[in-house]
C-alpha cells in the first residue's frame, strides 16, 4: 500500500477513534466492540475503552469489561457503534492498487454470526478461515464506503471516495485513449493497403472503368489518407457503408 494510502487509512482510524458518542448506550456498545486482545496491545484503543466507560467520579480507572453486546435487541445507532469498536480493534483496511479491501478478524465461531449481522445491516460480506481465525471481508468499494460511512467516518471517507473517483476516471480515460489508439492504428494500416490498391488500379487503367462512387472514394482516400470511413462518408455526402463497399472493391480488384 502506497504511503499516501497508508496515511489516509491511519487518518480514518484516528477520526473514528476520536468520535465521542452522545448516547450512553452507544458508548457501551462501542466499548463492547473494542473488547479483545488487540485493545490491550494498542495504547490508543486502551485509552478509548477507558474514555468510553468512564463515569462521573470514577476518574481514569478502567471500569472493567462491558456487558456482552446483544445485537437483536439493540437499535441501529447502537449496532453501528458496536461495529465501529469492532473495526478499530479487529479491523484492517487496504487500498492497494486502488482496490478497497476491509477485513474483520474474529474467533472462528463468531465469524458466521458477524456475517449474518452485516448482511442484516445491508452490507453482505464473505468469510474464510485463516490460521484458525475467522476473516470476514468486504471487497466491494461501495460496500466498504457504506460500512465506513455508517460507523461514523466523515472527512477521511470523503478523501477516500475522491481518490477512488479519480482512479476510476483515470482508468476510463486510459481505456478510451487505448481504444482510440487501436482504432487509429487499424485505420493507418487499412489506409496503407487501400492506397497501394488505388495506385495499382490507376496504373493499369482499371480504376477509370469503375463507377463514379468508387472513383470518388479513391480520390478522397488519396487526398486524406488519415481519414476514417465516417470522415470520408461525410466529405462525400454518402453512407459510410457505401464508402466501405467501394474500398473493399478496390482492394479485391487489386488482388485479382
C-alpha atoms as a PDB file:
ATOM      1  CA  UNK A   1       0.000   0.000   0.000  1.00  0.00           C
ATOM      2  CA  UNK A   2       1.407   3.400  -1.003  1.00  0.00           C
ATOM      3  CA  UNK A   3       2.425   5.865   1.685  1.00  0.00           C
ATOM      4  CA  UNK A   4      -0.399   8.266   0.864  1.00  0.00           C
ATOM      5  CA  UNK A   5      -2.950   5.445   1.085  1.00  0.00           C
ATOM      6  CA  UNK A   6      -1.464   4.261   4.372  1.00  0.00           C
ATOM      7  CA  UNK A   7      -1.670   7.799   5.757  1.00  0.00           C
ATOM      8  CA  UNK A   8      -5.310   8.001   4.699  1.00  0.00           C
ATOM      9  CA  UNK A   9      -6.125   4.736   6.485  1.00  0.00           C
ATOM     10  CA  UNK A  10      -4.396   5.992   9.633  1.00  0.00           C
ATOM     11  CA  UNK A  11      -6.304   9.277   9.417  1.00  0.00           C
ATOM     12  CA  UNK A  12      -9.576   7.399   9.004  1.00  0.00           C
ATOM     13  CA  UNK A  13      -8.887   5.223  12.053  1.00  0.00           C
ATOM     14  CA  UNK A  14      -7.919   8.285  14.088  1.00  0.00           C
ATOM     15  CA  UNK A  15     -11.131  10.009  13.029  1.00  0.00           C
ATOM     16  CA  UNK A  16     -13.237   7.024  14.106  1.00  0.00           C
ATOM     17  CA  UNK A  17     -11.346   6.687  17.389  1.00  0.00           C
ATOM     18  CA  UNK A  18     -11.980  10.368  18.086  1.00  0.00           C
ATOM     19  CA  UNK A  19     -15.770  10.062  17.898  1.00  0.00           C
ATOM     20  CA  UNK A  20     -17.382  10.792  21.262  1.00  0.00           C
ATOM     21  CA  UNK A  21     -20.870   9.229  21.266  1.00  0.00           C
ATOM     22  CA  UNK A  22     -23.505  11.373  22.914  1.00  0.00           C
ATOM     23  CA  UNK A  23     -25.671   8.426  23.959  1.00  0.00           C
ATOM     24  CA  UNK A  24     -24.630   6.266  26.893  1.00  0.00           C
ATOM     25  CA  UNK A  25     -25.919   3.181  25.052  1.00  0.00           C
ATOM     26  CA  UNK A  26     -23.667   3.956  22.088  1.00  0.00           C
ATOM     27  CA  UNK A  27     -20.646   4.357  24.354  1.00  0.00           C
ATOM     28  CA  UNK A  28     -21.381   0.994  25.933  1.00  0.00           C
ATOM     29  CA  UNK A  29     -21.916  -0.627  22.511  1.00  0.00           C
ATOM     30  CA  UNK A  30     -18.687   0.729  21.047  1.00  0.00           C
ATOM     31  CA  UNK A  31     -16.759  -0.367  24.123  1.00  0.00           C
ATOM     32  CA  UNK A  32     -18.213  -3.858  23.735  1.00  0.00           C
ATOM     33  CA  UNK A  33     -16.962  -3.908  20.144  1.00  0.00           C
ATOM     34  CA  UNK A  34     -13.494  -2.892  21.310  1.00  0.00           C
ATOM     35  CA  UNK A  35     -13.097  -5.872  23.593  1.00  0.00           C
ATOM     36  CA  UNK A  36     -10.401  -8.304  22.511  1.00  0.00           C
ATOM     37  CA  UNK A  37      -6.628  -8.828  22.622  1.00  0.00           C
ATOM     38  CA  UNK A  38      -5.933  -6.002  20.174  1.00  0.00           C
ATOM     39  CA  UNK A  39      -7.312  -3.435  22.588  1.00  0.00           C
ATOM     40  CA  UNK A  40      -4.716  -4.242  25.217  1.00  0.00           C
ATOM     41  CA  UNK A  41      -1.842  -4.247  22.732  1.00  0.00           C
ATOM     42  CA  UNK A  42      -2.773  -0.792  21.440  1.00  0.00           C
ATOM     43  CA  UNK A  43      -2.495   2.141  23.846  1.00  0.00           C
ATOM     44  CA  UNK A  44      -4.860   4.261  21.765  1.00  0.00           C
ATOM     45  CA  UNK A  45      -7.577   1.618  21.910  1.00  0.00           C
ATOM     46  CA  UNK A  46      -6.977   1.051  25.620  1.00  0.00           C
ATOM     47  CA  UNK A  47      -7.424   4.768  26.289  1.00  0.00           C
ATOM     48  CA  UNK A  48     -10.518   4.818  24.078  1.00  0.00           C
ATOM     49  CA  UNK A  49     -12.024   1.937  26.049  1.00  0.00           C
ATOM     50  CA  UNK A  50     -11.396   3.759  29.305  1.00  0.00           C
ATOM     51  CA  UNK A  51     -12.839   7.004  27.941  1.00  0.00           C
ATOM     52  CA  UNK A  52     -15.990   5.295  26.691  1.00  0.00           C
ATOM     53  CA  UNK A  53     -16.527   3.526  30.014  1.00  0.00           C
ATOM     54  CA  UNK A  54     -15.732   6.442  32.261  1.00  0.00           C
ATOM     55  CA  UNK A  55     -18.458   7.605  34.627  1.00  0.00           C
ATOM     56  CA  UNK A  56     -18.564  10.773  36.657  1.00  0.00           C
ATOM     57  CA  UNK A  57     -16.409  10.445  39.763  1.00  0.00           C
ATOM     58  CA  UNK A  58     -14.651   7.273  38.532  1.00  0.00           C
ATOM     59  CA  UNK A  59     -11.583   9.104  37.231  1.00  0.00           C
ATOM     60  CA  UNK A  60      -9.236   7.441  34.772  1.00  0.00           C
ATOM     61  CA  UNK A  61      -9.571   3.894  36.095  1.00  0.00           C
ATOM     62  CA  UNK A  62     -10.757   1.227  33.680  1.00  0.00           C
ATOM     63  CA  UNK A  63     -14.333   0.484  34.713  1.00  0.00           C
ATOM     64  CA  UNK A  64     -13.998  -3.202  33.806  1.00  0.00           C
ATOM     65  CA  UNK A  65     -15.351  -5.289  30.931  1.00  0.00           C
ATOM     66  CA  UNK A  66     -18.617  -4.159  29.314  1.00  0.00           C
ATOM     67  CA  UNK A  67     -21.789  -6.189  29.060  1.00  0.00           C
ATOM     68  CA  UNK A  68     -21.765  -8.518  26.003  1.00  0.00           C
ATOM     69  CA  UNK A  69     -23.456  -6.832  23.068  1.00  0.00           C
ATOM     70  CA  UNK A  70     -26.992  -8.026  22.325  1.00  0.00           C
ATOM     71  CA  UNK A  71     -27.356  -7.269  18.592  1.00  0.00           C
ATOM     72  CA  UNK A  72     -31.003  -8.395  18.101  1.00  0.00           C
ATOM     73  CA  UNK A  73     -32.415  -6.120  20.789  1.00  0.00           C
ATOM     74  CA  UNK A  74     -30.328  -3.015  20.065  1.00  0.00           C
ATOM     75  CA  UNK A  75     -31.303  -0.095  17.797  1.00  0.00           C
ATOM     76  CA  UNK A  76     -29.432   0.838  14.637  1.00  0.00           C
ATOM     77  CA  UNK A  77     -27.238   3.524  16.237  1.00  0.00           C
ATOM     78  CA  UNK A  78     -26.011   1.080  18.881  1.00  0.00           C
ATOM     79  CA  UNK A  79     -25.258  -1.545  16.244  1.00  0.00           C
ATOM     80  CA  UNK A  80     -23.161   0.914  14.242  1.00  0.00           C
ATOM     81  CA  UNK A  81     -21.310   1.993  17.396  1.00  0.00           C
ATOM     82  CA  UNK A  82     -20.532  -1.662  18.117  1.00  0.00           C
ATOM     83  CA  UNK A  83     -19.266  -2.173  14.558  1.00  0.00           C
ATOM     84  CA  UNK A  84     -17.089   0.927  14.923  1.00  0.00           C
ATOM     85  CA  UNK A  85     -15.454  -0.544  18.014  1.00  0.00           C
ATOM     86  CA  UNK A  86     -15.061  -3.893  16.267  1.00  0.00           C
ATOM     87  CA  UNK A  87     -13.391  -2.286  13.257  1.00  0.00           C
ATOM     88  CA  UNK A  88     -10.989  -0.290  15.435  1.00  0.00           C
ATOM     89  CA  UNK A  89      -9.927  -3.320  17.467  1.00  0.00           C
ATOM     90  CA  UNK A  90     -10.103  -6.135  14.925  1.00  0.00           C
ATOM     91  CA  UNK A  91     -10.353  -4.493  11.508  1.00  0.00           C
ATOM     92  CA  UNK A  92      -7.974  -3.519   8.742  1.00  0.00           C
ATOM     93  CA  UNK A  93      -8.415  -1.517   5.558  1.00  0.00           C
ATOM     94  CA  UNK A  94      -6.264  -1.893   2.451  1.00  0.00           C
ATOM     95  CA  UNK A  95      -6.267   0.445  -0.551  1.00  0.00           C
ATOM     96  CA  UNK A  96      -3.567  -1.359  -2.543  1.00  0.00           C
ATOM     97  CA  UNK A  97      -3.527  -0.545  -6.266  1.00  0.00           C
ATOM     98  CA  UNK A  98      -6.828   1.294  -5.970  1.00  0.00           C
ATOM     99  CA  UNK A  99      -8.652  -1.813  -4.708  1.00  0.00           C
ATOM    100  CA  UNK A 100     -10.583  -1.401  -1.467  1.00  0.00           C
ATOM    101  CA  UNK A 101     -10.440  -4.356   0.926  1.00  0.00           C
ATOM    102  CA  UNK A 102     -11.742  -4.375   4.511  1.00  0.00           C
ATOM    103  CA  UNK A 103     -11.242  -7.274   6.913  1.00  0.00           C
ATOM    104  CA  UNK A 104     -12.555  -8.051  10.393  1.00  0.00           C
ATOM    105  CA  UNK A 105     -10.669 -10.847  12.146  1.00  0.00           C
ATOM    106  CA  UNK A 106     -12.681 -12.611  14.840  1.00  0.00           C
ATOM    107  CA  UNK A 107     -12.742 -16.040  16.534  1.00  0.00           C
ATOM    108  CA  UNK A 108     -13.841 -18.705  14.066  1.00  0.00           C
ATOM    109  CA  UNK A 109     -17.134 -19.366  15.865  1.00  0.00           C
ATOM    110  CA  UNK A 110     -18.017 -15.656  15.780  1.00  0.00           C
ATOM    111  CA  UNK A 111     -17.439 -15.225  12.046  1.00  0.00           C
ATOM    112  CA  UNK A 112     -20.783 -16.686  10.827  1.00  0.00           C
ATOM    113  CA  UNK A 113     -22.625 -14.566  13.407  1.00  0.00           C
ATOM    114  CA  UNK A 114     -20.866 -11.404  12.251  1.00  0.00           C
ATOM    115  CA  UNK A 115     -21.572 -12.271   8.614  1.00  0.00           C
ATOM    116  CA  UNK A 116     -25.281 -12.610   9.404  1.00  0.00           C
ATOM    117  CA  UNK A 117     -25.277  -9.279  11.231  1.00  0.00           C
ATOM    118  CA  UNK A 118     -23.584  -7.451   8.387  1.00  0.00           C
ATOM    119  CA  UNK A 119     -25.988  -8.973   5.873  1.00  0.00           C
ATOM    120  CA  UNK A 120     -28.904  -7.867   8.022  1.00  0.00           C
ATOM    121  CA  UNK A 121     -27.427  -4.367   8.015  1.00  0.00           C
ATOM    122  CA  UNK A 122     -27.291  -4.383   4.188  1.00  0.00           C
ATOM    123  CA  UNK A 123     -23.514  -4.886   3.896  1.00  0.00           C
ATOM    124  CA  UNK A 124     -23.062  -8.512   2.740  1.00  0.00           C
ATOM    125  CA  UNK A 125     -19.524  -9.860   3.301  1.00  0.00           C
ATOM    126  CA  UNK A 126     -17.691 -13.091   2.607  1.00  0.00           C
ATOM    127  CA  UNK A 127     -15.622 -15.007   5.116  1.00  0.00           C
ATOM    128  CA  UNK A 128     -12.960 -17.705   5.387  1.00  0.00           C
ATOM    129  CA  UNK A 129     -10.716 -19.346   7.959  1.00  0.00           C
ATOM    130  CA  UNK A 130      -7.110 -18.157   8.222  1.00  0.00           C
ATOM    131  CA  UNK A 131      -4.763 -19.622  10.829  1.00  0.00           C
ATOM    132  CA  UNK A 132      -7.729 -20.757  12.858  1.00  0.00           C
ATOM    133  CA  UNK A 133      -9.376 -17.309  12.867  1.00  0.00           C
ATOM    134  CA  UNK A 134     -12.463 -16.139  11.036  1.00  0.00           C
ATOM    135  CA  UNK A 135     -11.723 -13.434   8.456  1.00  0.00           C
ATOM    136  CA  UNK A 136     -14.847 -11.508   7.452  1.00  0.00           C
ATOM    137  CA  UNK A 137     -14.220  -9.490   4.297  1.00  0.00           C
ATOM    138  CA  UNK A 138     -15.881  -6.598   2.478  1.00  0.00           C
ATOM    139  CA  UNK A 139     -14.387  -6.237  -1.020  1.00  0.00           C
ATOM    140  CA  UNK A 140     -16.769  -4.018  -2.950  1.00  0.00           C
ATOM    141  CA  UNK A 141     -15.675  -0.381  -2.783  1.00  0.00           C
ATOM    142  CA  UNK A 142     -19.306   0.684  -2.479  1.00  0.00           C
ATOM    143  CA  UNK A 143     -19.930  -1.716   0.417  1.00  0.00           C
ATOM    144  CA  UNK A 144     -16.753  -0.666   2.230  1.00  0.00           C
ATOM    145  CA  UNK A 145     -17.669   3.001   1.849  1.00  0.00           C
ATOM    146  CA  UNK A 146     -21.170   2.300   3.142  1.00  0.00           C
ATOM    147  CA  UNK A 147     -19.720   0.464   6.151  1.00  0.00           C
ATOM    148  CA  UNK A 148     -17.313   3.293   6.974  1.00  0.00           C
ATOM    149  CA  UNK A 149     -19.988   5.941   6.487  1.00  0.00           C
ATOM    150  CA  UNK A 150     -22.433   4.174   8.760  1.00  0.00           C
ATOM    151  CA  UNK A 151     -19.906   3.707  11.561  1.00  0.00           C
ATOM    152  CA  UNK A 152     -19.155   7.421  11.534  1.00  0.00           C
ATOM    153  CA  UNK A 153     -16.344   8.190   9.066  1.00  0.00           C
ATOM    154  CA  UNK A 154     -16.545  11.699   7.639  1.00  0.00           C
ATOM    155  CA  UNK A 155     -13.741  13.810   6.170  1.00  0.00           C
ATOM    156  CA  UNK A 156     -11.379  10.858   5.691  1.00  0.00           C
ATOM    157  CA  UNK A 157     -14.094   8.916   3.884  1.00  0.00           C
ATOM    158  CA  UNK A 158     -14.692  11.877   1.556  1.00  0.00           C
ATOM    159  CA  UNK A 159     -10.992  11.854   0.717  1.00  0.00           C
ATOM    160  CA  UNK A 160     -11.127   8.106   0.093  1.00  0.00           C
ATOM    161  CA  UNK A 161     -14.137   8.488  -2.191  1.00  0.00           C
ATOM    162  CA  UNK A 162     -12.454  11.371  -4.058  1.00  0.00           C
ATOM    163  CA  UNK A 163      -9.363   9.238  -4.670  1.00  0.00           C
ATOM    164  CA  UNK A 164     -11.434   6.336  -5.911  1.00  0.00           C
ATOM    165  CA  UNK A 165     -13.379   8.609  -8.273  1.00  0.00           C
ATOM    166  CA  UNK A 166     -10.090   9.995  -9.596  1.00  0.00           C
ATOM    167  CA  UNK A 167      -8.746   6.473 -10.120  1.00  0.00           C
ATOM    168  CA  UNK A 168     -11.923   5.456 -11.917  1.00  0.00           C
ATOM    169  CA  UNK A 169     -11.745   8.494 -14.190  1.00  0.00           C
ATOM    170  CA  UNK A 170      -8.081   7.829 -14.964  1.00  0.00           C
ATOM    171  CA  UNK A 171      -8.891   4.216 -15.748  1.00  0.00           C
ATOM    172  CA  UNK A 172     -11.744   5.213 -18.034  1.00  0.00           C
ATOM    173  CA  UNK A 173      -9.581   7.840 -19.737  1.00  0.00           C
ATOM    174  CA  UNK A 174      -6.826   5.292 -20.298  1.00  0.00           C
ATOM    175  CA  UNK A 175      -9.380   2.848 -21.710  1.00  0.00           C
ATOM    176  CA  UNK A 176     -10.691   5.457 -24.153  1.00  0.00           C
ATOM    177  CA  UNK A 177      -7.177   6.509 -25.173  1.00  0.00           C
ATOM    178  CA  UNK A 178      -6.119   2.904 -25.720  1.00  0.00           C
ATOM    179  CA  UNK A 179      -9.245   2.198 -27.760  1.00  0.00           C
ATOM    180  CA  UNK A 180      -8.706   5.329 -29.875  1.00  0.00           C
ATOM    181  CA  UNK A 181      -5.049   4.433 -30.381  1.00  0.00           C
ATOM    182  CA  UNK A 182      -6.005   0.927 -31.504  1.00  0.00           C
ATOM    183  CA  UNK A 183      -8.625   2.327 -33.881  1.00  0.00           C
ATOM    184  CA  UNK A 184      -6.132   4.808 -35.295  1.00  0.00           C
ATOM    185  CA  UNK A 185      -3.544   2.076 -35.829  1.00  0.00           C
ATOM    186  CA  UNK A 186      -6.114  -0.065 -37.673  1.00  0.00           C
ATOM    187  CA  UNK A 187      -7.121   2.938 -39.783  1.00  0.00           C
ATOM    188  CA  UNK A 188      -3.493   3.653 -40.728  1.00  0.00           C
ATOM    189  CA  UNK A 189      -2.848   0.018 -41.709  1.00  0.00           C
ATOM    190  CA  UNK A 190      -6.075  -0.184 -43.726  1.00  0.00           C
ATOM    191  CA  UNK A 191      -5.396   3.150 -45.419  1.00  0.00           C
ATOM    192  CA  UNK A 192      -1.947   1.940 -46.452  1.00  0.00           C
ATOM    193  CA  UNK A 193      -3.442  -1.148 -48.114  1.00  0.00           C
ATOM    194  CA  UNK A 194      -6.114   0.931 -49.822  1.00  0.00           C
ATOM    195  CA  UNK A 195      -3.622   3.479 -51.175  1.00  0.00           C
ATOM    196  CA  UNK A 196      -1.478   0.697 -52.612  1.00  0.00           C
ATOM    197  CA  UNK A 197      -4.560  -0.834 -54.242  1.00  0.00           C
ATOM    198  CA  UNK A 198      -5.690   2.502 -55.645  1.00  0.00           C
ATOM    199  CA  UNK A 199      -2.225   3.135 -57.114  1.00  0.00           C
ATOM    200  CA  UNK A 200      -2.191  -0.306 -58.751  1.00  0.00           C
ATOM    201  CA  UNK A 201      -5.651   0.151 -60.321  1.00  0.00           C
ATOM    202  CA  UNK A 202      -4.849   3.657 -61.522  1.00  0.00           C
ATOM    203  CA  UNK A 203      -1.629   2.497 -63.132  1.00  0.00           C
ATOM    204  CA  UNK A 204      -3.247  -0.198 -65.269  1.00  0.00           C
ATOM    205  CA  UNK A 205      -6.335   1.876 -66.084  1.00  0.00           C
ATOM    206  CA  UNK A 206      -8.870  -0.259 -64.264  1.00  0.00           C
ATOM    207  CA  UNK A 207      -9.785   2.481 -61.781  1.00  0.00           C
ATOM    208  CA  UNK A 208     -11.071   4.700 -64.623  1.00  0.00           C
ATOM    209  CA  UNK A 209     -13.548   1.971 -65.587  1.00  0.00           C
ATOM    210  CA  UNK A 210     -15.151   1.863 -62.109  1.00  0.00           C
ATOM    211  CA  UNK A 211     -18.314   3.673 -61.031  1.00  0.00           C
ATOM    212  CA  UNK A 212     -18.333   7.328 -60.072  1.00  0.00           C
ATOM    213  CA  UNK A 213     -18.721   6.389 -56.394  1.00  0.00           C
ATOM    214  CA  UNK A 214     -15.664   4.125 -56.409  1.00  0.00           C
ATOM    215  CA  UNK A 215     -13.589   6.773 -58.214  1.00  0.00           C
ATOM    216  CA  UNK A 216     -14.757   9.481 -55.784  1.00  0.00           C
ATOM    217  CA  UNK A 217     -13.904   7.326 -52.743  1.00  0.00           C
ATOM    218  CA  UNK A 218     -10.482   6.534 -54.231  1.00  0.00           C
ATOM    219  CA  UNK A 219      -9.784  10.230 -54.823  1.00  0.00           C
ATOM    220  CA  UNK A 220     -10.907  11.142 -51.304  1.00  0.00           C
ATOM    221  CA  UNK A 221      -8.695   8.430 -49.801  1.00  0.00           C
ATOM    222  CA  UNK A 222      -5.680   9.694 -51.736  1.00  0.00           C
ATOM    223  CA  UNK A 223      -6.273  13.272 -50.594  1.00  0.00           C
ATOM    224  CA  UNK A 224      -6.890  12.350 -46.940  1.00  0.00           C
ATOM    225  CA  UNK A 225      -5.042   9.090 -46.108  1.00  0.00           C
ATOM    226  CA  UNK A 226      -5.632   9.590 -42.376  1.00  0.00           C
ATOM    227  CA  UNK A 227      -9.418   9.971 -42.639  1.00  0.00           C
ATOM    228  CA  UNK A 228     -11.740   7.408 -41.074  1.00  0.00           C
ATOM    229  CA  UNK A 229     -14.570   5.813 -43.030  1.00  0.00           C
ATOM    230  CA  UNK A 230     -17.024   8.125 -41.318  1.00  0.00           C
ATOM    231  CA  UNK A 231     -14.996  11.186 -42.233  1.00  0.00           C
ATOM    232  CA  UNK A 232     -14.767  10.052 -45.868  1.00  0.00           C
ATOM    233  CA  UNK A 233     -18.533   9.489 -45.902  1.00  0.00           C
ATOM    234  CA  UNK A 234     -19.191  12.975 -44.509  1.00  0.00           C
ATOM    235  CA  UNK A 235     -16.837  14.519 -47.062  1.00  0.00           C
ATOM    236  CA  UNK A 236     -18.543  12.757 -49.980  1.00  0.00           C
ATOM    237  CA  UNK A 237     -22.074  13.068 -48.544  1.00  0.00           C
ATOM    238  CA  UNK A 238     -22.722   9.337 -48.901  1.00  0.00           C
ATOM    239  CA  UNK A 239     -23.343   6.483 -46.474  1.00  0.00           C
ATOM    240  CA  UNK A 240     -20.455   5.029 -44.523  1.00  0.00           C
ATOM    241  CA  UNK A 241     -21.430   1.595 -45.827  1.00  0.00           C
ATOM    242  CA  UNK A 242     -21.045   2.876 -49.413  1.00  0.00           C
ATOM    243  CA  UNK A 243     -17.506   4.027 -48.603  1.00  0.00           C
ATOM    244  CA  UNK A 244     -16.711   0.646 -47.059  1.00  0.00           C
ATOM    245  CA  UNK A 245     -18.054  -1.231 -50.108  1.00  0.00           C
ATOM    246  CA  UNK A 246     -16.084   0.956 -52.508  1.00  0.00           C
ATOM    247  CA  UNK A 247     -12.806   0.443 -50.624  1.00  0.00           C
ATOM    248  CA  UNK A 248     -13.435  -3.308 -50.325  1.00  0.00           C
ATOM    249  CA  UNK A 249     -13.996  -3.482 -54.089  1.00  0.00           C
ATOM    250  CA  UNK A 250     -10.789  -1.557 -54.760  1.00  0.00           C
ATOM    251  CA  UNK A 251      -8.768  -3.984 -52.616  1.00  0.00           C
ATOM    252  CA  UNK A 252     -10.405  -7.041 -54.219  1.00  0.00           C
ATOM    253  CA  UNK A 253      -9.720  -5.757 -57.740  1.00  0.00           C
ATOM    254  CA  UNK A 254      -6.080  -5.059 -56.881  1.00  0.00           C
ATOM    255  CA  UNK A 255      -5.648  -8.657 -55.734  1.00  0.00           C
ATOM    256  CA  UNK A 256      -7.321 -10.126 -58.796  1.00  0.00           C
END
